[in-house]
């Protein structure tokens, strides 16, 4: 089972040059989460640092795609 943490999020941010918010947007789009729900969850994340399931899933997806991630060829067209 994949357990994501702040270090995983930081790897993505540095390698892809994106913000935490953009990872939330990407995860929400992958799971068809409404913008209002995503905005609420992002606010909760700011307060308590916990990721909702769809952000964990997005982090797992990005990091499990090691070849594309490491070569910086990851498709960021869904970010915003």
C-alpha atoms as a PDB file:
ATOM      1  CA  UNK A   1       0.000   0.000   0.000  1.00  0.00           C
ATOM      2  CA  UNK A   2       1.304   3.431  -0.942  1.00  0.00           C
ATOM      3  CA  UNK A   3       1.674   5.987   1.819  1.00  0.00           C
ATOM      4  CA  UNK A   4       2.386   9.502   0.615  1.00  0.00           C
ATOM      5  CA  UNK A   5       3.968  12.155   2.755  1.00  0.00           C
ATOM      6  CA  UNK A   6       5.155  15.732   2.527  1.00  0.00           C
ATOM      7  CA  UNK A   7       8.462  14.547   1.067  1.00  0.00           C
ATOM      8  CA  UNK A   8       6.642  12.932  -1.853  1.00  0.00           C
ATOM      9  CA  UNK A   9       4.710  16.116  -2.477  1.00  0.00           C
ATOM     10  CA  UNK A  10       7.924  18.153  -2.361  1.00  0.00           C
ATOM     11  CA  UNK A  11       9.568  15.832  -4.926  1.00  0.00           C
ATOM     12  CA  UNK A  12       6.699  16.475  -7.309  1.00  0.00           C
ATOM     13  CA  UNK A  13       6.721  20.209  -6.692  1.00  0.00           C
ATOM     14  CA  UNK A  14      10.442  20.544  -7.318  1.00  0.00           C
ATOM     15  CA  UNK A  15      10.659  18.208 -10.320  1.00  0.00           C
ATOM     16  CA  UNK A  16       7.564  19.467 -12.115  1.00  0.00           C
ATOM     17  CA  UNK A  17       7.682  23.050 -10.874  1.00  0.00           C
ATOM     18  CA  UNK A  18       4.103  23.041  -9.605  1.00  0.00           C
ATOM     19  CA  UNK A  19       2.368  24.082  -6.396  1.00  0.00           C
ATOM     20  CA  UNK A  20       0.525  22.034  -3.806  1.00  0.00           C
ATOM     21  CA  UNK A  21      -2.672  23.633  -5.048  1.00  0.00           C
ATOM     22  CA  UNK A  22      -1.979  22.362  -8.566  1.00  0.00           C
ATOM     23  CA  UNK A  23      -1.569  18.813  -7.238  1.00  0.00           C
ATOM     24  CA  UNK A  24      -4.981  19.197  -5.572  1.00  0.00           C
ATOM     25  CA  UNK A  25      -6.478  20.406  -8.866  1.00  0.00           C
ATOM     26  CA  UNK A  26      -4.941  17.498 -10.765  1.00  0.00           C
ATOM     27  CA  UNK A  27      -6.191  14.930  -8.237  1.00  0.00           C
ATOM     28  CA  UNK A  28      -9.655  16.463  -8.214  1.00  0.00           C
ATOM     29  CA  UNK A  29      -9.858  16.331 -12.006  1.00  0.00           C
ATOM     30  CA  UNK A  30      -8.696  12.709 -12.069  1.00  0.00           C
ATOM     31  CA  UNK A  31     -11.450  11.739  -9.602  1.00  0.00           C
ATOM     32  CA  UNK A  32     -14.142  14.128 -10.874  1.00  0.00           C
ATOM     33  CA  UNK A  33     -14.213  15.998  -7.562  1.00  0.00           C
ATOM     34  CA  UNK A  34     -16.076  19.306  -7.732  1.00  0.00           C
ATOM     35  CA  UNK A  35     -14.120  22.522  -7.558  1.00  0.00           C
ATOM     36  CA  UNK A  36     -15.965  23.583  -4.408  1.00  0.00           C
ATOM     37  CA  UNK A  37     -15.122  20.280  -2.666  1.00  0.00           C
ATOM     38  CA  UNK A  38     -11.499  20.579  -3.772  1.00  0.00           C
ATOM     39  CA  UNK A  39     -11.326  24.172  -2.476  1.00  0.00           C
ATOM     40  CA  UNK A  40     -12.796  23.056   0.868  1.00  0.00           C
ATOM     41  CA  UNK A  41     -10.341  20.152   1.105  1.00  0.00           C
ATOM     42  CA  UNK A  42      -7.414  22.416   0.258  1.00  0.00           C
ATOM     43  CA  UNK A  43      -8.447  24.734   3.098  1.00  0.00           C
ATOM     44  CA  UNK A  44      -8.566  21.753   5.444  1.00  0.00           C
ATOM     45  CA  UNK A  45      -5.126  20.660   4.222  1.00  0.00           C
ATOM     46  CA  UNK A  46      -3.762  24.113   5.057  1.00  0.00           C
ATOM     47  CA  UNK A  47      -5.115  23.721   8.609  1.00  0.00           C
ATOM     48  CA  UNK A  48      -4.159  20.133   9.377  1.00  0.00           C
ATOM     49  CA  UNK A  49      -1.734  18.979   6.664  1.00  0.00           C
ATOM     50  CA  UNK A  50      -3.785  15.906   5.727  1.00  0.00           C
ATOM     51  CA  UNK A  51      -4.281  14.886   2.113  1.00  0.00           C
ATOM     52  CA  UNK A  52      -7.704  13.751   0.849  1.00  0.00           C
ATOM     53  CA  UNK A  53      -7.815  10.382  -0.930  1.00  0.00           C
ATOM     54  CA  UNK A  54      -7.756  11.882  -4.421  1.00  0.00           C
ATOM     55  CA  UNK A  55      -4.583  13.874  -3.723  1.00  0.00           C
ATOM     56  CA  UNK A  56      -2.913  10.770  -2.301  1.00  0.00           C
ATOM     57  CA  UNK A  57      -3.972   8.949  -5.450  1.00  0.00           C
ATOM     58  CA  UNK A  58      -2.561  11.688  -7.677  1.00  0.00           C
ATOM     59  CA  UNK A  59       0.753  11.650  -5.800  1.00  0.00           C
ATOM     60  CA  UNK A  60       0.913   7.869  -6.081  1.00  0.00           C
ATOM     61  CA  UNK A  61       0.111   8.018  -9.790  1.00  0.00           C
ATOM     62  CA  UNK A  62       2.774  10.600 -10.503  1.00  0.00           C
ATOM     63  CA  UNK A  63       5.486   8.886  -8.455  1.00  0.00           C
ATOM     64  CA  UNK A  64       4.663   5.391  -9.719  1.00  0.00           C
ATOM     65  CA  UNK A  65       5.179   6.562 -13.284  1.00  0.00           C
ATOM     66  CA  UNK A  66       8.905   6.760 -12.560  1.00  0.00           C
ATOM     67  CA  UNK A  67      10.244   6.811 -16.107  1.00  0.00           C
ATOM     68  CA  UNK A  68       8.116   9.741 -17.219  1.00  0.00           C
ATOM     69  CA  UNK A  69       8.462  11.467 -13.860  1.00  0.00           C
ATOM     70  CA  UNK A  70      12.230  11.201 -13.814  1.00  0.00           C
ATOM     71  CA  UNK A  71      12.569  12.260 -17.445  1.00  0.00           C
ATOM     72  CA  UNK A  72      10.308  15.279 -16.776  1.00  0.00           C
ATOM     73  CA  UNK A  73       7.942  14.214 -19.573  1.00  0.00           C
ATOM     74  CA  UNK A  74       4.889  13.981 -17.329  1.00  0.00           C
ATOM     75  CA  UNK A  75       1.739  15.347 -18.939  1.00  0.00           C
ATOM     76  CA  UNK A  76       0.807  18.438 -16.971  1.00  0.00           C
ATOM     77  CA  UNK A  77      -2.072  19.427 -19.271  1.00  0.00           C
ATOM     78  CA  UNK A  78      -4.566  18.556 -16.506  1.00  0.00           C
ATOM     79  CA  UNK A  79      -2.947  20.730 -13.865  1.00  0.00           C
ATOM     80  CA  UNK A  80      -5.167  23.785 -14.340  1.00  0.00           C
END
